[in-house]
Amino acid sequence: MPRYARAEREALADLLLALGPDAPTINEGWATRDLAAHLVLRERRPDAAGGIMVAPLRGYAERVRRRLADRPYPELVAQVRRPPVWSPVSNPLTDELANTLEFFIHHEDVRRASSGWQPRDLPPGLQAALWKRAAPMARLTLRRFPADLYVKAPGYGKISVGRGGEPLRVVGAPAELVLFLSGRQRVARVQLDGPVAAARKLRNASLGM
């Protein structure tokens, strides 16, 4: 069975080391050091990881993340590369399910912050795995959007979502769709077909889990 989560983790760790701690990412306000600290917090600090998703815990999580970011950078990247086996999100039973999307997106957060980037030629198996995650993301993040949205990944699948109205088609490879749906519209190579105003609104919407 392909281990896409492990492959994306290794590639991201290699890139983090190659670029150093102060390289840009597409996450506003974060350099590579900050992104590495976020990943370490998520896997190694269950007391603070809830703050990634739960607003009342966000302040504590951010304080922990900043302390982690002050660690020596090679040590931080080593912890990204080799998560603890006891981690709820990174043990052998959960790694592929919990981390394929996480590490693919954050790998692209670093790649696409550099000039001259191009989409990678990803294996069909990884694209299929990403589509399995893109479809529920679309249903969750776009369910209240005021249009009839048709989200399509040619060769992988399509879904319809939205509150109704003029039709708007969102077309792209699964990899590009997960970036778009996670709030990274400005770097996602996705085609929008439909009313200009609706397309503009979607490109500027606050998306993500």
C-alpha atoms as a PDB file:
ATOM      1  CA  MET A   1       0.000   0.000   0.000  1.00  0.00           C
ATOM      2  CA  PRO A   2       1.464   3.415  -0.951  1.00  0.00           C
ATOM      3  CA  ARG A   3       2.456   5.579   1.987  1.00  0.00           C
ATOM      4  CA  TYR A   4       1.690   9.027   0.653  1.00  0.00           C
ATOM      5  CA  ALA A   5       1.692  10.666   4.081  1.00  0.00           C
ATOM      6  CA  ARG A   6       5.249   9.459   4.734  1.00  0.00           C
ATOM      7  CA  ALA A   7       6.440  10.539   1.289  1.00  0.00           C
ATOM      8  CA  GLU A   8       4.978  14.034   1.675  1.00  0.00           C
ATOM      9  CA  ARG A   9       6.420  14.320   5.184  1.00  0.00           C
ATOM     10  CA  GLU A  10       9.908  13.377   4.003  1.00  0.00           C
ATOM     11  CA  ALA A  11       9.742  15.743   1.031  1.00  0.00           C
ATOM     12  CA  LEU A  12       8.568  18.604   3.230  1.00  0.00           C
ATOM     13  CA  ALA A  13      11.288  17.974   5.820  1.00  0.00           C
ATOM     14  CA  ASP A  14      13.932  17.949   3.066  1.00  0.00           C
ATOM     15  CA  LEU A  15      12.596  21.217   1.675  1.00  0.00           C
ATOM     16  CA  LEU A  16      12.454  22.859   5.102  1.00  0.00           C
ATOM     17  CA  LEU A  17      16.112  22.025   5.680  1.00  0.00           C
ATOM     18  CA  ALA A  18      17.123  23.166   2.204  1.00  0.00           C
ATOM     19  CA  LEU A  19      15.395  26.545   2.546  1.00  0.00           C
ATOM     20  CA  GLY A  20      16.285  27.301   6.158  1.00  0.00           C
ATOM     21  CA  PRO A  21      14.186  28.745   8.997  1.00  0.00           C
ATOM     22  CA  ASP A  22      13.299  32.121   7.510  1.00  0.00           C
ATOM     23  CA  ALA A  23      11.970  31.210   4.056  1.00  0.00           C
ATOM     24  CA  PRO A  24       8.437  32.364   3.207  1.00  0.00           C
ATOM     25  CA  THR A  25       5.333  30.216   3.168  1.00  0.00           C
ATOM     26  CA  ILE A  26       1.925  31.109   1.783  1.00  0.00           C
ATOM     27  CA  ASN A  27       0.549  31.092   5.337  1.00  0.00           C
ATOM     28  CA  GLU A  28       0.248  34.749   6.275  1.00  0.00           C
ATOM     29  CA  GLY A  29       2.808  35.740   8.900  1.00  0.00           C
ATOM     30  CA  TRP A  30       4.552  32.363   8.939  1.00  0.00           C
ATOM     31  CA  ALA A  31       8.060  31.544   7.819  1.00  0.00           C
ATOM     32  CA  THR A  32       9.289  27.968   7.492  1.00  0.00           C
ATOM     33  CA  ARG A  33      10.238  27.908  11.185  1.00  0.00           C
ATOM     34  CA  ASP A  34       6.646  28.760  12.155  1.00  0.00           C
ATOM     35  CA  LEU A  35       5.187  26.058   9.925  1.00  0.00           C
ATOM     36  CA  ALA A  36       7.552  23.441  11.340  1.00  0.00           C
ATOM     37  CA  ALA A  37       6.556  24.466  14.879  1.00  0.00           C
ATOM     38  CA  HIS A  38       2.874  24.102  13.972  1.00  0.00           C
ATOM     39  CA  LEU A  39       3.447  20.535  12.803  1.00  0.00           C
ATOM     40  CA  VAL A  40       5.414  19.629  15.916  1.00  0.00           C
ATOM     41  CA  LEU A  41       2.677  21.064  18.140  1.00  0.00           C
ATOM     42  CA  ARG A  42      -0.005  19.103  16.281  1.00  0.00           C
ATOM     43  CA  GLU A  43       1.799  15.789  16.779  1.00  0.00           C
ATOM     44  CA  ARG A  44       3.655  16.188  20.064  1.00  0.00           C
ATOM     45  CA  ARG A  45       1.564  18.549  22.209  1.00  0.00           C
ATOM     46  CA  PRO A  46      -1.947  17.107  22.606  1.00  0.00           C
ATOM     47  CA  ASP A  47      -2.528  19.603  25.435  1.00  0.00           C
ATOM     48  CA  ALA A  48      -2.305  22.441  22.900  1.00  0.00           C
ATOM     49  CA  ALA A  49      -3.238  20.824  19.588  1.00  0.00           C
ATOM     50  CA  GLY A  50      -6.947  21.399  20.190  1.00  0.00           C
ATOM     51  CA  GLY A  51      -6.314  25.103  19.722  1.00  0.00           C
ATOM     52  CA  ILE A  52      -5.708  24.502  16.020  1.00  0.00           C
ATOM     53  CA  MET A  53      -9.450  23.953  15.603  1.00  0.00           C
ATOM     54  CA  VAL A  54     -11.093  25.245  18.809  1.00  0.00           C
ATOM     55  CA  ALA A  55     -11.163  29.036  19.140  1.00  0.00           C
ATOM     56  CA  PRO A  56     -11.119  29.298  22.980  1.00  0.00           C
ATOM     57  CA  LEU A  57      -7.880  27.288  23.063  1.00  0.00           C
ATOM     58  CA  ARG A  58      -6.200  29.191  20.254  1.00  0.00           C
ATOM     59  CA  GLY A  59      -4.270  31.624  22.443  1.00  0.00           C
ATOM     60  CA  TYR A  60      -2.631  28.861  24.457  1.00  0.00           C
ATOM     61  CA  ALA A  61      -1.811  26.896  21.310  1.00  0.00           C
ATOM     62  CA  GLU A  62      -0.181  29.942  19.755  1.00  0.00           C
ATOM     63  CA  ARG A  63       1.980  30.543  22.831  1.00  0.00           C
ATOM     64  CA  VAL A  64       3.137  26.926  22.739  1.00  0.00           C
ATOM     65  CA  ARG A  65       3.817  27.147  18.998  1.00  0.00           C
ATOM     66  CA  ARG A  66       5.976  30.239  19.452  1.00  0.00           C
ATOM     67  CA  ARG A  67       8.030  28.541  22.139  1.00  0.00           C
ATOM     68  CA  LEU A  68       8.534  25.559  19.862  1.00  0.00           C
ATOM     69  CA  ALA A  69       9.619  27.874  17.042  1.00  0.00           C
ATOM     70  CA  ASP A  70      12.453  29.143  19.258  1.00  0.00           C
ATOM     71  CA  ARG A  71      14.075  25.716  19.309  1.00  0.00           C
ATOM     72  CA  PRO A  72      17.114  25.034  17.113  1.00  0.00           C
ATOM     73  CA  TYR A  73      15.757  24.699  13.608  1.00  0.00           C
ATOM     74  CA  PRO A  74      17.452  21.380  12.675  1.00  0.00           C
ATOM     75  CA  GLU A  75      15.993  19.848  15.852  1.00  0.00           C
ATOM     76  CA  LEU A  76      12.535  21.142  14.947  1.00  0.00           C
ATOM     77  CA  VAL A  77      12.697  19.710  11.428  1.00  0.00           C
ATOM     78  CA  ALA A  78      13.953  16.377  12.805  1.00  0.00           C
ATOM     79  CA  GLN A  79      10.834  16.219  14.966  1.00  0.00           C
ATOM     80  CA  VAL A  80       8.675  16.931  11.916  1.00  0.00           C
ATOM     81  CA  ARG A  81      10.407  14.112  10.042  1.00  0.00           C
ATOM     82  CA  ARG A  82      10.085  11.536  12.845  1.00  0.00           C
ATOM     83  CA  PRO A  83       6.839  11.864  14.815  1.00  0.00           C
ATOM     84  CA  PRO A  84       6.365   9.912  18.046  1.00  0.00           C
ATOM     85  CA  VAL A  85       4.638   6.544  17.692  1.00  0.00           C
ATOM     86  CA  TRP A  86       2.241   7.470  20.506  1.00  0.00           C
ATOM     87  CA  SER A  87       0.862  10.501  18.642  1.00  0.00           C
ATOM     88  CA  PRO A  88      -2.923  10.223  18.095  1.00  0.00           C
ATOM     89  CA  VAL A  89      -2.540  11.614  14.575  1.00  0.00           C
ATOM     90  CA  SER A  90       0.731  10.024  13.486  1.00  0.00           C
ATOM     91  CA  ASN A  91       0.883   6.482  14.804  1.00  0.00           C
ATOM     92  CA  PRO A  92       1.001   3.636  12.264  1.00  0.00           C
ATOM     93  CA  LEU A  93      -2.773   3.143  12.425  1.00  0.00           C
ATOM     94  CA  THR A  94      -3.733   6.776  11.791  1.00  0.00           C
ATOM     95  CA  ASP A  95      -0.848   8.221   9.804  1.00  0.00           C
ATOM     96  CA  GLU A  96      -2.152   7.762   6.268  1.00  0.00           C
ATOM     97  CA  LEU A  97      -5.683   8.894   7.115  1.00  0.00           C
ATOM     98  CA  ALA A  98      -4.704  11.877   9.255  1.00  0.00           C
ATOM     99  CA  ASN A  99      -1.600  13.110   7.464  1.00  0.00           C
ATOM    100  CA  THR A 100      -1.824  12.629   3.700  1.00  0.00           C
ATOM    101  CA  LEU A 101      -3.818  15.829   3.295  1.00  0.00           C
ATOM    102  CA  GLU A 102      -2.017  17.689   6.096  1.00  0.00           C
ATOM    103  CA  PHE A 103       1.467  17.138   4.732  1.00  0.00           C
ATOM    104  CA  PHE A 104       0.528  17.539   1.093  1.00  0.00           C
ATOM    105  CA  ILE A 105      -1.004  20.955   1.807  1.00  0.00           C
ATOM    106  CA  HIS A 106       1.864  22.158   3.985  1.00  0.00           C
ATOM    107  CA  HIS A 107       4.423  20.889   1.468  1.00  0.00           C
ATOM    108  CA  GLU A 108       2.698  23.063  -1.127  1.00  0.00           C
ATOM    109  CA  ASP A 109       2.516  25.969   1.351  1.00  0.00           C
ATOM    110  CA  VAL A 110       6.304  26.056   1.196  1.00  0.00           C
ATOM    111  CA  ARG A 111       6.765  25.141  -2.480  1.00  0.00           C
ATOM    112  CA  ARG A 112       4.308  27.710  -3.789  1.00  0.00           C
ATOM    113  CA  ALA A 113       5.756  30.583  -1.783  1.00  0.00           C
ATOM    114  CA  SER A 114       8.847  30.524  -4.023  1.00  0.00           C
ATOM    115  CA  SER A 115       8.906  32.204  -7.412  1.00  0.00           C
ATOM    116  CA  GLY A 116       8.754  29.994 -10.467  1.00  0.00           C
ATOM    117  CA  TRP A 117       6.909  27.115  -8.824  1.00  0.00           C
ATOM    118  CA  GLN A 118       4.924  24.704 -10.957  1.00  0.00           C
ATOM    119  CA  PRO A 119       2.408  22.026  -9.955  1.00  0.00           C
ATOM    120  CA  ARG A 120       4.000  18.642  -9.414  1.00  0.00           C
ATOM    121  CA  ASP A 121       3.239  15.640 -11.620  1.00  0.00           C
ATOM    122  CA  LEU A 122       1.593  13.575  -8.893  1.00  0.00           C
ATOM    123  CA  PRO A 123       0.876   9.838  -9.148  1.00  0.00           C
ATOM    124  CA  PRO A 124      -2.753   8.944  -9.868  1.00  0.00           C
ATOM    125  CA  GLY A 125      -2.973   7.107  -6.551  1.00  0.00           C
ATOM    126  CA  LEU A 126      -2.154  10.273  -4.615  1.00  0.00           C
ATOM    127  CA  GLN A 127      -4.590  12.300  -6.716  1.00  0.00           C
ATOM    128  CA  ALA A 128      -7.294   9.714  -5.947  1.00  0.00           C
ATOM    129  CA  ALA A 129      -6.487   9.872  -2.230  1.00  0.00           C
ATOM    130  CA  LEU A 130      -6.726  13.658  -2.327  1.00  0.00           C
ATOM    131  CA  TRP A 131     -10.071  13.518  -4.147  1.00  0.00           C
ATOM    132  CA  LYS A 132     -11.466  11.351  -1.323  1.00  0.00           C
ATOM    133  CA  ARG A 133     -10.712  14.275   0.968  1.00  0.00           C
ATOM    134  CA  ALA A 134     -11.668  17.060  -1.461  1.00  0.00           C
ATOM    135  CA  ALA A 135     -15.254  15.864  -1.853  1.00  0.00           C
ATOM    136  CA  PRO A 136     -16.190  16.052   1.859  1.00  0.00           C
ATOM    137  CA  MET A 137     -14.237  19.320   2.168  1.00  0.00           C
ATOM    138  CA  ALA A 138     -16.371  20.801  -0.610  1.00  0.00           C
ATOM    139  CA  ARG A 139     -19.599  19.642   1.018  1.00  0.00           C
ATOM    140  CA  LEU A 140     -18.557  21.169   4.330  1.00  0.00           C
ATOM    141  CA  THR A 141     -16.984  24.449   3.230  1.00  0.00           C
ATOM    142  CA  LEU A 142     -19.272  25.311   0.307  1.00  0.00           C
ATOM    143  CA  ARG A 143     -22.656  24.137   1.558  1.00  0.00           C
ATOM    144  CA  ARG A 144     -23.808  27.699   2.323  1.00  0.00           C
ATOM    145  CA  PHE A 145     -22.330  29.367  -0.744  1.00  0.00           C
ATOM    146  CA  PRO A 146     -25.114  31.204  -2.656  1.00  0.00           C
ATOM    147  CA  ALA A 147     -24.840  29.370  -5.968  1.00  0.00           C
ATOM    148  CA  ASP A 148     -25.279  25.944  -7.503  1.00  0.00           C
ATOM    149  CA  LEU A 149     -21.682  24.767  -7.336  1.00  0.00           C
ATOM    150  CA  TYR A 150     -20.436  21.853  -9.407  1.00  0.00           C
ATOM    151  CA  VAL A 151     -17.031  20.687  -8.221  1.00  0.00           C
ATOM    152  CA  LYS A 152     -15.293  18.388 -10.689  1.00  0.00           C
ATOM    153  CA  ALA A 153     -11.944  16.629 -10.813  1.00  0.00           C
ATOM    154  CA  PRO A 154     -11.775  15.158 -14.338  1.00  0.00           C
ATOM    155  CA  GLY A 155     -11.111  11.460 -14.169  1.00  0.00           C
ATOM    156  CA  TYR A 156     -11.772  11.258 -10.422  1.00  0.00           C
ATOM    157  CA  GLY A 157     -15.294  12.456  -9.680  1.00  0.00           C
ATOM    158  CA  LYS A 158     -17.694  15.339  -9.235  1.00  0.00           C
ATOM    159  CA  ILE A 159     -20.167  16.614  -6.662  1.00  0.00           C
ATOM    160  CA  SER A 160     -22.755  19.375  -6.439  1.00  0.00           C
ATOM    161  CA  VAL A 161     -23.132  21.638  -3.413  1.00  0.00           C
ATOM    162  CA  GLY A 162     -24.279  25.139  -2.486  1.00  0.00           C
ATOM    163  CA  ARG A 163     -27.528  26.876  -1.568  1.00  0.00           C
ATOM    164  CA  GLY A 164     -28.834  27.317  -5.088  1.00  0.00           C
ATOM    165  CA  GLY A 165     -28.755  30.084  -7.638  1.00  0.00           C
ATOM    166  CA  GLU A 166     -26.801  30.555 -10.814  1.00  0.00           C
ATOM    167  CA  PRO A 167     -24.526  27.605 -11.633  1.00  0.00           C
ATOM    168  CA  LEU A 168     -20.793  27.911 -11.040  1.00  0.00           C
ATOM    169  CA  ARG A 169     -18.370  25.157 -12.006  1.00  0.00           C
ATOM    170  CA  VAL A 170     -15.140  24.571 -10.109  1.00  0.00           C
ATOM    171  CA  VAL A 171     -12.805  22.337 -12.105  1.00  0.00           C
ATOM    172  CA  GLY A 172      -9.303  21.150 -11.302  1.00  0.00           C
ATOM    173  CA  ALA A 173      -7.096  18.237 -10.387  1.00  0.00           C
ATOM    174  CA  PRO A 174      -7.766  16.867  -6.884  1.00  0.00           C
ATOM    175  CA  ALA A 175      -4.501  18.373  -5.634  1.00  0.00           C
ATOM    176  CA  GLU A 176      -5.535  21.832  -6.804  1.00  0.00           C
ATOM    177  CA  LEU A 177      -9.049  21.451  -5.419  1.00  0.00           C
ATOM    178  CA  VAL A 178      -7.862  20.597  -1.903  1.00  0.00           C
ATOM    179  CA  LEU A 179      -5.649  23.682  -1.936  1.00  0.00           C
ATOM    180  CA  PHE A 180      -8.531  25.827  -3.178  1.00  0.00           C
ATOM    181  CA  LEU A 181     -10.972  24.425  -0.616  1.00  0.00           C
ATOM    182  CA  SER A 182      -8.516  24.849   2.247  1.00  0.00           C
ATOM    183  CA  GLY A 183      -8.383  28.604   1.697  1.00  0.00           C
ATOM    184  CA  ARG A 184      -5.415  28.758  -0.657  1.00  0.00           C
ATOM    185  CA  GLN A 185      -7.353  30.005  -3.667  1.00  0.00           C
ATOM    186  CA  ARG A 186      -4.660  32.413  -4.827  1.00  0.00           C
ATOM    187  CA  VAL A 187      -2.159  29.624  -5.533  1.00  0.00           C
ATOM    188  CA  ALA A 188      -4.564  26.885  -6.656  1.00  0.00           C
ATOM    189  CA  ARG A 189      -4.755  26.146 -10.389  1.00  0.00           C
ATOM    190  CA  VAL A 190      -8.539  25.823 -10.539  1.00  0.00           C
ATOM    191  CA  GLN A 191     -10.884  26.901 -13.333  1.00  0.00           C
ATOM    192  CA  LEU A 192     -14.116  28.694 -12.411  1.00  0.00           C
ATOM    193  CA  ASP A 193     -16.849  28.772 -15.062  1.00  0.00           C
ATOM    194  CA  GLY A 194     -19.944  30.846 -14.413  1.00  0.00           C
ATOM    195  CA  PRO A 195     -21.064  34.339 -13.404  1.00  0.00           C
ATOM    196  CA  VAL A 196     -18.106  36.676 -12.888  1.00  0.00           C
ATOM    197  CA  ALA A 197     -19.424  38.057  -9.600  1.00  0.00           C
ATOM    198  CA  ALA A 198     -19.970  34.590  -8.126  1.00  0.00           C
ATOM    199  CA  ALA A 199     -16.541  33.422  -9.269  1.00  0.00           C
ATOM    200  CA  ARG A 200     -14.896  36.486  -7.719  1.00  0.00           C
ATOM    201  CA  LYS A 201     -16.785  35.951  -4.470  1.00  0.00           C
ATOM    202  CA  LEU A 202     -15.661  32.340  -4.293  1.00  0.00           C
ATOM    203  CA  ARG A 203     -12.040  33.195  -5.028  1.00  0.00           C
ATOM    204  CA  ASN A 204     -12.083  35.693  -2.154  1.00  0.00           C
ATOM    205  CA  ALA A 205     -14.180  33.642   0.287  1.00  0.00           C
ATOM    206  CA  SER A 206     -12.808  32.515   3.615  1.00  0.00           C
ATOM    207  CA  LEU A 207     -12.614  28.775   3.040  1.00  0.00           C
ATOM    208  CA  GLY A 208     -11.070  25.983   5.037  1.00  0.00           C
ATOM    209  CA  MET A 209     -11.983  23.593   7.807  1.00  0.00           C
END
